[in-house]
Amino acid sequence: MIELADDSGIVVLATSKRMYEACGKLYSHGLKPEAVGDKA
C-alpha cells in the first residue's frame, strides 16, 4: 500500500487523533483542500 501511494504521489499519514481533529489541525496550519482534477 505504501509503495503504491509513493508511486502515485499520495501522502500517507498516521495519527492517534480522530479524522476531524487531524484535518482541522492540517487546515489550520495551511493545508488547503484541492478539488480532484484541478491539477492542470
PDB file of N, CA and C in Angstrom:
ATOM      1  N   MET A   1       0.826  -1.184   0.000  1.00  0.00           N
ATOM      2  CA  MET A   1       0.000   0.000   0.000  1.00  0.00           C
ATOM      3  C   MET A   1       0.878   1.258   0.000  1.00  0.00           C
ATOM      4  N   ILE A   2       1.915   1.239   0.829  1.00  0.00           N
ATOM      5  CA  ILE A   2       2.793   2.409   0.900  1.00  0.00           C
ATOM      6  C   ILE A   2       3.537   2.614  -0.417  1.00  0.00           C
ATOM      7  N   GLU A   3       3.985   1.535  -1.019  1.00  0.00           N
ATOM      8  CA  GLU A   3       4.680   1.641  -2.311  1.00  0.00           C
ATOM      9  C   GLU A   3       3.750   2.189  -3.388  1.00  0.00           C
ATOM     10  N   LEU A   4       2.513   1.725  -3.416  1.00  0.00           N
ATOM     11  CA  LEU A   4       1.538   2.217  -4.388  1.00  0.00           C
ATOM     12  C   LEU A   4       1.271   3.706  -4.177  1.00  0.00           C
ATOM     13  N   ALA A   5       1.120   4.121  -2.925  1.00  0.00           N
ATOM     14  CA  ALA A   5       0.908   5.535  -2.627  1.00  0.00           C
ATOM     15  C   ALA A   5       2.111   6.353  -3.081  1.00  0.00           C
ATOM     16  N   ASP A   6       3.307   5.876  -2.804  1.00  0.00           N
ATOM     17  CA  ASP A   6       4.526   6.567  -3.209  1.00  0.00           C
ATOM     18  C   ASP A   6       4.601   6.697  -4.725  1.00  0.00           C
ATOM     19  N   ASP A   7       4.325   5.621  -5.432  1.00  0.00           N
ATOM     20  CA  ASP A   7       4.350   5.644  -6.896  1.00  0.00           C
ATOM     21  C   ASP A   7       3.323   6.616  -7.468  1.00  0.00           C
ATOM     22  N   SER A   8       2.236   6.821  -6.743  1.00  0.00           N
ATOM     23  CA  SER A   8       1.157   7.701  -7.199  1.00  0.00           C
ATOM     24  C   SER A   8       1.282   9.121  -6.672  1.00  0.00           C
ATOM     25  N   GLY A   9       2.305   9.382  -5.855  1.00  0.00           N
ATOM     26  CA  GLY A   9       2.491  10.728  -5.302  1.00  0.00           C
ATOM     27  C   GLY A   9       1.486  11.064  -4.212  1.00  0.00           C
ATOM     28  N   ILE A  10       0.987  10.045  -3.519  1.00  0.00           N
ATOM     29  CA  ILE A  10      -0.009  10.243  -2.467  1.00  0.00           C
ATOM     30  C   ILE A  10       0.677  10.185  -1.110  1.00  0.00           C
ATOM     31  N   VAL A  11       0.388  11.163  -0.266  1.00  0.00           N
ATOM     32  CA  VAL A  11       0.958  11.212   1.076  1.00  0.00           C
ATOM     33  C   VAL A  11       0.140  10.318   2.004  1.00  0.00           C
ATOM     34  N   VAL A  12       0.832   9.533   2.819  1.00  0.00           N
ATOM     35  CA  VAL A  12       0.184   8.670   3.795  1.00  0.00           C
ATOM     36  C   VAL A  12       0.547   9.196   5.186  1.00  0.00           C
ATOM     37  N   LEU A  13      -0.465   9.476   5.996  1.00  0.00           N
ATOM     38  CA  LEU A  13      -0.249   9.994   7.339  1.00  0.00           C
ATOM     39  C   LEU A  13      -0.844   9.046   8.362  1.00  0.00           C
ATOM     40  N   ALA A  14      -0.257   9.038   9.552  1.00  0.00           N
ATOM     41  CA  ALA A  14      -0.800   8.243  10.650  1.00  0.00           C
ATOM     42  C   ALA A  14      -0.860   9.130  11.891  1.00  0.00           C
ATOM     43  N   THR A  15      -1.931   9.013  12.659  1.00  0.00           N
ATOM     44  CA  THR A  15      -2.093   9.790  13.876  1.00  0.00           C
ATOM     45  C   THR A  15      -3.060   9.080  14.806  1.00  0.00           C
ATOM     46  N   SER A  16      -2.944   9.389  16.062  1.00  0.00           N
ATOM     47  CA  SER A  16      -3.899   8.841  17.026  1.00  0.00           C
ATOM     48  C   SER A  16      -5.117   9.752  17.172  1.00  0.00           C
ATOM     49  N   LYS A  17      -5.093  10.900  16.488  1.00  0.00           N
ATOM     50  CA  LYS A  17      -6.216  11.839  16.535  1.00  0.00           C
ATOM     51  C   LYS A  17      -7.376  11.318  15.694  1.00  0.00           C
ATOM     52  N   ARG A  18      -8.581  11.788  16.015  1.00  0.00           N
ATOM     53  CA  ARG A  18      -9.734  11.488  15.172  1.00  0.00           C
ATOM     54  C   ARG A  18      -9.594  12.261  13.865  1.00  0.00           C
ATOM     55  N   MET A  19     -10.186  11.741  12.797  1.00  0.00           N
ATOM     56  CA  MET A  19     -10.041  12.346  11.472  1.00  0.00           C
ATOM     57  C   MET A  19     -10.424  13.828  11.471  1.00  0.00           C
ATOM     58  N   TYR A  20     -11.530  14.170  12.130  1.00  0.00           N
ATOM     59  CA  TYR A  20     -11.989  15.561  12.156  1.00  0.00           C
ATOM     60  C   TYR A  20     -10.929  16.470  12.771  1.00  0.00           C
ATOM     61  N   GLU A  21     -10.348  16.041  13.890  1.00  0.00           N
ATOM     62  CA  GLU A  21      -9.333  16.852  14.559  1.00  0.00           C
ATOM     63  C   GLU A  21      -8.055  16.936  13.722  1.00  0.00           C
ATOM     64  N   ALA A  22      -7.638  15.829  13.141  1.00  0.00           N
ATOM     65  CA  ALA A  22      -6.432  15.820  12.315  1.00  0.00           C
ATOM     66  C   ALA A  22      -6.596  16.744  11.104  1.00  0.00           C
ATOM     67  N   CYS A  23      -7.740  16.676  10.447  1.00  0.00           N
ATOM     68  CA  CYS A  23      -7.998  17.544   9.290  1.00  0.00           C
ATOM     69  C   CYS A  23      -8.028  19.012   9.706  1.00  0.00           C
ATOM     70  N   GLY A  24      -8.641  19.286  10.844  1.00  0.00           N
ATOM     71  CA  GLY A  24      -8.691  20.661  11.354  1.00  0.00           C
ATOM     72  C   GLY A  24      -7.300  21.199  11.633  1.00  0.00           C
ATOM     73  N   LYS A  25      -6.440  20.405  12.218  1.00  0.00           N
ATOM     74  CA  LYS A  25      -5.066  20.835  12.505  1.00  0.00           C
ATOM     75  C   LYS A  25      -4.291  21.073  11.206  1.00  0.00           C
ATOM     76  N   LEU A  26      -4.420  20.167  10.252  1.00  0.00           N
ATOM     77  CA  LEU A  26      -3.746  20.352   8.972  1.00  0.00           C
ATOM     78  C   LEU A  26      -4.225  21.625   8.285  1.00  0.00           C
ATOM     79  N   TYR A  27      -5.529  21.848   8.274  1.00  0.00           N
ATOM     80  CA  TYR A  27      -6.100  23.040   7.640  1.00  0.00           C
ATOM     81  C   TYR A  27      -5.612  24.307   8.331  1.00  0.00           C
ATOM     82  N   SER A  28      -5.612  24.301   9.665  1.00  0.00           N
ATOM     83  CA  SER A  28      -5.209  25.499  10.408  1.00  0.00           C
ATOM     84  C   SER A  28      -3.725  25.816  10.235  1.00  0.00           C
ATOM     85  N   HIS A  29      -2.951  24.839   9.788  1.00  0.00           N
ATOM     86  CA  HIS A  29      -1.535  25.054   9.543  1.00  0.00           C
ATOM     87  C   HIS A  29      -1.214  25.239   8.065  1.00  0.00           C
ATOM     88  N   GLY A  30      -2.246  25.503   7.268  1.00  0.00           N
ATOM     89  CA  GLY A  30      -2.011  25.906   5.885  1.00  0.00           C
ATOM     90  C   GLY A  30      -2.341  24.902   4.799  1.00  0.00           C
ATOM     91  N   LEU A  31      -2.697  23.670   5.152  1.00  0.00           N
ATOM     92  CA  LEU A  31      -3.054  22.708   4.114  1.00  0.00           C
ATOM     93  C   LEU A  31      -4.475  22.992   3.656  1.00  0.00           C
ATOM     94  N   LYS A  32      -4.630  23.312   2.391  1.00  0.00           N
ATOM     95  CA  LYS A  32      -5.935  23.661   1.848  1.00  0.00           C
ATOM     96  C   LYS A  32      -6.456  22.536   0.957  1.00  0.00           C
ATOM     97  N   PRO A  33      -7.776  22.382   0.894  1.00  0.00           N
ATOM     98  CA  PRO A  33      -8.344  21.339   0.025  1.00  0.00           C
ATOM     99  C   PRO A  33      -8.090  21.647  -1.439  1.00  0.00           C
ATOM    100  N   GLU A  34      -7.968  20.605  -2.229  1.00  0.00           N
ATOM    101  CA  GLU A  34      -7.772  20.741  -3.667  1.00  0.00           C
ATOM    102  C   GLU A  34      -8.798  19.870  -4.360  1.00  0.00           C
ATOM    103  N   ALA A  35      -9.526  20.458  -5.269  1.00  0.00           N
ATOM    104  CA  ALA A  35     -10.550  19.707  -5.991  1.00  0.00           C
ATOM    105  C   ALA A  35      -9.887  18.657  -6.867  1.00  0.00           C
ATOM    106  N   VAL A  36     -10.481  17.489  -6.939  1.00  0.00           N
ATOM    107  CA  VAL A  36      -9.975  16.419  -7.792  1.00  0.00           C
ATOM    108  C   VAL A  36     -10.032  16.879  -9.247  1.00  0.00           C
ATOM    109  N   GLY A  37      -8.937  16.725  -9.954  1.00  0.00           N
ATOM    110  CA  GLY A  37      -8.903  17.084 -11.366  1.00  0.00           C
ATOM    111  C   GLY A  37      -8.449  18.520 -11.627  1.00  0.00           C
ATOM    112  N   ASP A  38      -8.163  19.290 -10.580  1.00  0.00           N
ATOM    113  CA  ASP A  38      -7.737  20.685 -10.763  1.00  0.00           C
ATOM    114  C   ASP A  38      -6.226  20.845 -10.842  1.00  0.00           C
ATOM    115  N   LYS A  39      -5.517  19.771 -11.168  1.00  0.00           N
ATOM    116  CA  LYS A  39      -4.059  19.856 -11.205  1.00  0.00           C
ATOM    117  C   LYS A  39      -3.535  20.276 -12.573  1.00  0.00           C
ATOM    118  N   ALA A  40      -4.368  20.808 -13.426  1.00  0.00           N
ATOM    119  CA  ALA A  40      -3.974  21.183 -14.796  1.00  0.00           C
ATOM    120  C   ALA A  40      -3.053  22.316 -14.828  1.00  0.00           C
TER     121      ALA A  40
END
